[in-house]
Protein backbone atom coordinates (compact mmCIF):
# COMPACT_ATOMS: atom_id res chain seq x y z
CA MET A 1 9.53 -18.24 7.86
CA LEU A 2 9.63 -14.57 6.41
CA ILE A 3 10.42 -12.98 2.83
CA ARG A 4 10.96 -9.55 1.93
CA LYS A 5 9.95 -7.02 -1.13
CA LEU A 6 11.42 -3.15 -1.69
CA PHE A 7 9.19 -0.89 -3.82
CA LYS A 8 9.99 2.44 -4.35
CA PHE A 9 8.38 5.73 -5.19
CA GLU A 10 8.23 9.34 -4.74
CA ASN A 11 5.86 11.43 -2.98
CA ALA A 12 4.75 14.98 -1.67
CA HIS A 13 2.82 15.86 0.62
CA ILE A 14 2.13 17.90 4.48
CA VAL A 15 1.87 16.50 7.64
CA ARG A 16 -0.23 18.67 9.87
CA ASN A 17 0.04 18.86 13.09
CA CYS A 18 3.41 17.63 13.09
CA THR A 19 6.18 19.57 15.73
CA SER A 20 8.31 20.71 12.53
CA ASP A 21 7.59 23.75 11.45
CA ARG A 22 8.81 23.00 7.97
CA CYS A 23 6.61 19.91 7.50
CA LYS A 24 3.58 21.12 8.42
CA ARG A 25 3.06 24.39 6.84
CA SER A 26 4.89 23.32 3.67
CA ILE A 27 4.40 20.79 0.28
CA HIS A 28 7.20 18.52 0.52
CA GLY A 29 8.27 15.07 -0.98
CA HIS A 30 10.49 12.86 -0.44
CA SER A 31 11.69 9.28 -1.54
CA TYR A 32 9.78 6.51 -0.10
CA LYS A 33 11.06 2.88 0.21
CA VAL A 34 8.82 0.56 1.04
CA GLU A 35 9.32 -2.74 2.88
CA LEU A 36 6.47 -5.54 2.51
CA LEU A 37 7.68 -8.49 4.76
CA LEU A 38 5.05 -12.07 4.21
CA LYS A 39 4.80 -14.60 6.47
CA ALA A 40 4.02 -18.32 6.05
CA SER A 41 4.53 -21.28 7.99
CA LYS A 42 4.05 -23.53 4.56
CA LEU A 43 5.79 -22.96 1.34
CA ASP A 44 3.84 -23.36 -2.01
CA HIS A 45 4.80 -26.50 -4.26
CA GLY A 46 7.71 -24.14 -5.78
CA GLN A 47 9.21 -24.34 -1.96
CA MET A 48 8.54 -20.26 -1.38
CA VAL A 49 6.96 -18.10 1.01
CA TYR A 50 5.22 -16.65 -2.29
CA ASP A 51 6.03 -16.19 -5.54
CA PHE A 52 8.13 -12.52 -5.65
CA GLY A 53 6.54 -12.55 -9.39
CA LEU A 54 2.89 -12.41 -7.93
CA LEU A 55 3.57 -9.62 -6.01
CA LYS A 56 4.87 -7.31 -9.31
CA GLY A 57 0.80 -7.22 -9.60
CA VAL A 58 -2.33 -6.04 -7.75
CA ILE A 59 0.19 -5.25 -4.79
CA LYS A 60 3.44 -3.27 -7.00
CA GLU A 61 -0.58 -1.12 -8.67
CA LEU A 62 -1.45 -0.10 -6.20
CA PHE A 63 1.87 1.18 -4.39
CA ASP A 64 2.92 2.33 -7.50
CA SER A 65 0.01 4.18 -7.18
CA PHE A 66 1.44 6.55 -4.98
CA ASP A 67 4.21 7.61 -7.06
CA HIS A 68 4.32 11.37 -8.48
CA ALA A 69 1.08 11.78 -6.07
CA ILE A 70 0.38 14.54 -3.61
CA CYS A 71 -1.23 12.44 -0.68
CA TYR A 72 -3.55 14.62 1.45
CA TRP A 73 -5.79 14.34 4.69
CA GLN A 74 -9.65 14.17 3.85
CA LYS A 75 -9.75 16.57 7.47
CA ASP A 76 -7.55 18.97 6.12
CA ASP A 77 -8.57 22.45 4.65
CA PRO A 78 -11.02 22.50 1.99
CA GLU A 79 -8.92 24.82 0.20
CA TYR A 80 -6.11 22.94 0.31
CA ILE A 81 -7.59 20.04 -0.44
CA ALA A 82 -9.25 21.64 -4.08
CA ALA A 83 -5.75 22.83 -5.08
CA CYS A 84 -3.97 19.53 -4.44
CA GLN A 85 -7.09 18.42 -7.04
CA THR A 86 -6.92 20.70 -8.86
CA PHE A 87 -2.88 21.04 -9.88
CA SER A 88 -2.27 17.34 -9.96
CA ALA A 89 -3.89 14.94 -11.80
CA ARG A 90 -2.25 12.36 -9.42
CA TRP A 91 -3.80 12.46 -6.13
CA ILE A 92 -4.44 10.14 -3.16
CA ALA A 93 -7.04 11.19 -0.12
CA LEU A 94 -6.41 9.35 2.77
CA PRO A 95 -8.71 9.02 6.25
CA VAL A 96 -5.19 9.50 7.71
CA SER A 97 -2.74 11.50 8.08
CA PRO A 98 0.51 10.94 5.31
CA SER A 99 2.91 10.36 7.98
CA ALA A 100 5.69 7.57 7.32
CA GLU A 101 3.95 6.19 10.34
CA GLN A 102 0.29 6.44 8.02
CA PHE A 103 1.36 5.58 5.15
CA SER A 104 3.63 2.07 6.83
CA ARG A 105 -0.49 1.59 8.24
CA ILE A 106 -2.01 2.02 4.73
CA PHE A 107 -0.06 -0.22 2.41
CA PHE A 108 -0.27 -3.16 5.78
CA TYR A 109 -3.92 -2.61 4.85
CA LEU A 110 -3.56 -2.59 1.51
CA ALA A 111 -1.87 -5.59 0.85
CA GLN A 112 -3.55 -7.39 3.31
CA GLN A 113 -6.88 -6.52 1.79
CA VAL A 114 -5.51 -7.98 -1.97
CA LEU A 115 -3.24 -11.12 -0.36
CA HIS A 116 -6.94 -11.66 1.48
CA SER A 117 -8.88 -10.88 -1.88
CA THR A 118 -7.02 -13.24 -3.85
CA THR A 119 -7.28 -17.22 -4.31
CA THR A 120 -4.00 -19.23 -4.96
CA GLN A 121 -3.28 -21.95 -7.35
CA ASN A 122 0.05 -23.37 -6.42
CA GLY A 123 -0.29 -24.63 -2.84
CA GLU A 124 0.43 -21.07 -0.50
CA GLY A 125 -0.05 -21.77 2.77
CA ASP A 126 -1.10 -19.27 5.27
CA VAL A 127 0.78 -16.48 3.60
CA GLU A 128 0.03 -12.89 5.74
CA VAL A 129 1.70 -9.59 5.96
CA TYR A 130 3.63 -9.75 9.08
CA SER A 131 5.01 -5.55 8.61
CA VAL A 132 5.61 -2.73 6.88
CA ILE A 133 8.86 -0.67 6.84
CA VAL A 134 7.96 3.23 5.30
CA HIS A 135 11.59 4.33 4.78
CA GLU A 136 10.95 8.18 4.38
CA THR A 137 14.36 9.16 4.61
CA ASP A 138 17.99 7.43 4.39
CA THR A 139 18.00 7.90 8.56
CA GLY A 140 14.31 7.52 9.28
CA TYR A 141 11.52 4.43 9.01
CA ALA A 142 8.23 3.58 10.61
CA GLN A 143 7.32 0.11 10.92
CA SER A 144 3.95 -1.50 11.85
CA PHE A 145 2.43 -4.38 12.61
CA ILE A 146 -0.88 -5.57 12.72
CA GLU A 147 -2.31 -4.80 16.52
CA ASP A 148 -1.00 -1.42 14.64
CA ILE A 149 -3.50 -1.79 11.75
CA GLU A 150 -6.71 -2.94 14.22
CA ASN A 151 -5.55 0.02 16.56
CA GLU A 152 -8.57 2.49 16.51
CA GLN A 153 -6.40 4.97 18.32
CA MET A 154 -4.06 5.46 15.40
CA GLY A 155 -7.38 5.58 13.11
CA ILE A 156 -9.63 3.72 11.49
CA LEU A 157 -8.65 1.79 7.86
CA ASN A 158 -11.79 1.68 5.31
CA LEU A 159 -10.70 1.26 1.31
CA ASP A 160 -13.75 3.37 1.12
CA GLN A 161 -12.02 6.55 2.32
CA ILE A 162 -8.95 6.00 0.31
CA ILE A 163 -9.46 7.69 -3.27
CA PHE A 164 -7.73 8.00 -5.53
CA SER A 165 -7.74 10.54 -8.49
CA GLU A 166 -9.10 9.11 -12.06
CA GLN A 167 -5.65 9.76 -13.49
CA VAL A 168 -4.22 7.61 -11.40
CA GLN A 169 -6.98 5.15 -12.17
CA ALA A 170 -7.02 5.26 -16.08
CA GLU A 171 -3.17 4.22 -15.70
CA TRP A 172 -3.77 0.95 -13.40
CA SER A 173 -3.76 -2.27 -16.11
CA ASP A 174 -7.15 -3.22 -14.67
CA PRO A 175 -9.09 0.69 -14.52
CA GLN A 176 -11.70 -1.58 -12.10
CA MET A 177 -9.11 -3.21 -9.96
CA TYR A 178 -9.79 -1.04 -7.13
CA GLU A 179 -13.24 -1.75 -7.60
CA ASN A 180 -12.99 -4.83 -7.58
CA LEU A 181 -11.07 -5.03 -4.58
CA LYS A 182 -13.78 -3.36 -2.65
CA ASN A 183 -16.96 -5.62 -3.79
CA GLY A 184 -14.47 -7.99 -2.89
CA ILE A 185 -14.47 -9.92 -6.20
CA LYS A 186 -11.32 -12.02 -6.00
CA PHE A 187 -8.34 -12.05 -7.68
CA GLN A 188 -7.11 -14.97 -9.04
CA ASN A 189 -3.27 -15.97 -9.29
CA PRO A 190 -2.08 -18.18 -12.05
CA ASN A 191 -2.16 -22.24 -11.59
CA VAL A 192 0.85 -23.43 -11.71
CA GLU A 193 0.45 -27.24 -13.27
CA LEU A 194 2.76 -29.59 -11.24
CA GLN A 195 6.18 -30.87 -12.66
CA VAL A 196 8.51 -33.40 -10.50
CA ASN A 197 11.70 -35.11 -12.25
CA ILE A 198 12.17 -38.15 -10.09
């Protein structure tokens, strides 16, 4: 079974080496919509794949980190990177170019890492990320699946290589959240007391 959760954010970037002259030479922004699709073959005690309320925690905070931020590829021109860091308090350095395709891989990877680092306590089953769709515009989107995350030709993804500015980190409910994720410290979902009316 699949469930879908929609997230929204505003973001700016340059996509180097693309065909469009405007996109590869000028900073521009998009109103992004991110569809996170989760799958499971078992339902939890509430008869859900995964409670939507749980997706308002670490996953939402990480996705929201991209809102009103500028994203840049770590292999971009050092002067451009320095300007991004100087003139924007909210920036994210990525190991891949910030295209819609790579954003879909980044969000898939981040959600996957959070799920794998979460202790569930309500009978959740084999919950996994099925797919992520990133809408860059109303007419265009990119969609990734697990094989795209594991595809080395598309670029290796690593938590250590996704760097959030100090301002982004300061706005998290737990400023150590990302370090905890990188260090394998488990997040814990709330414990639910079972109540069955007969």
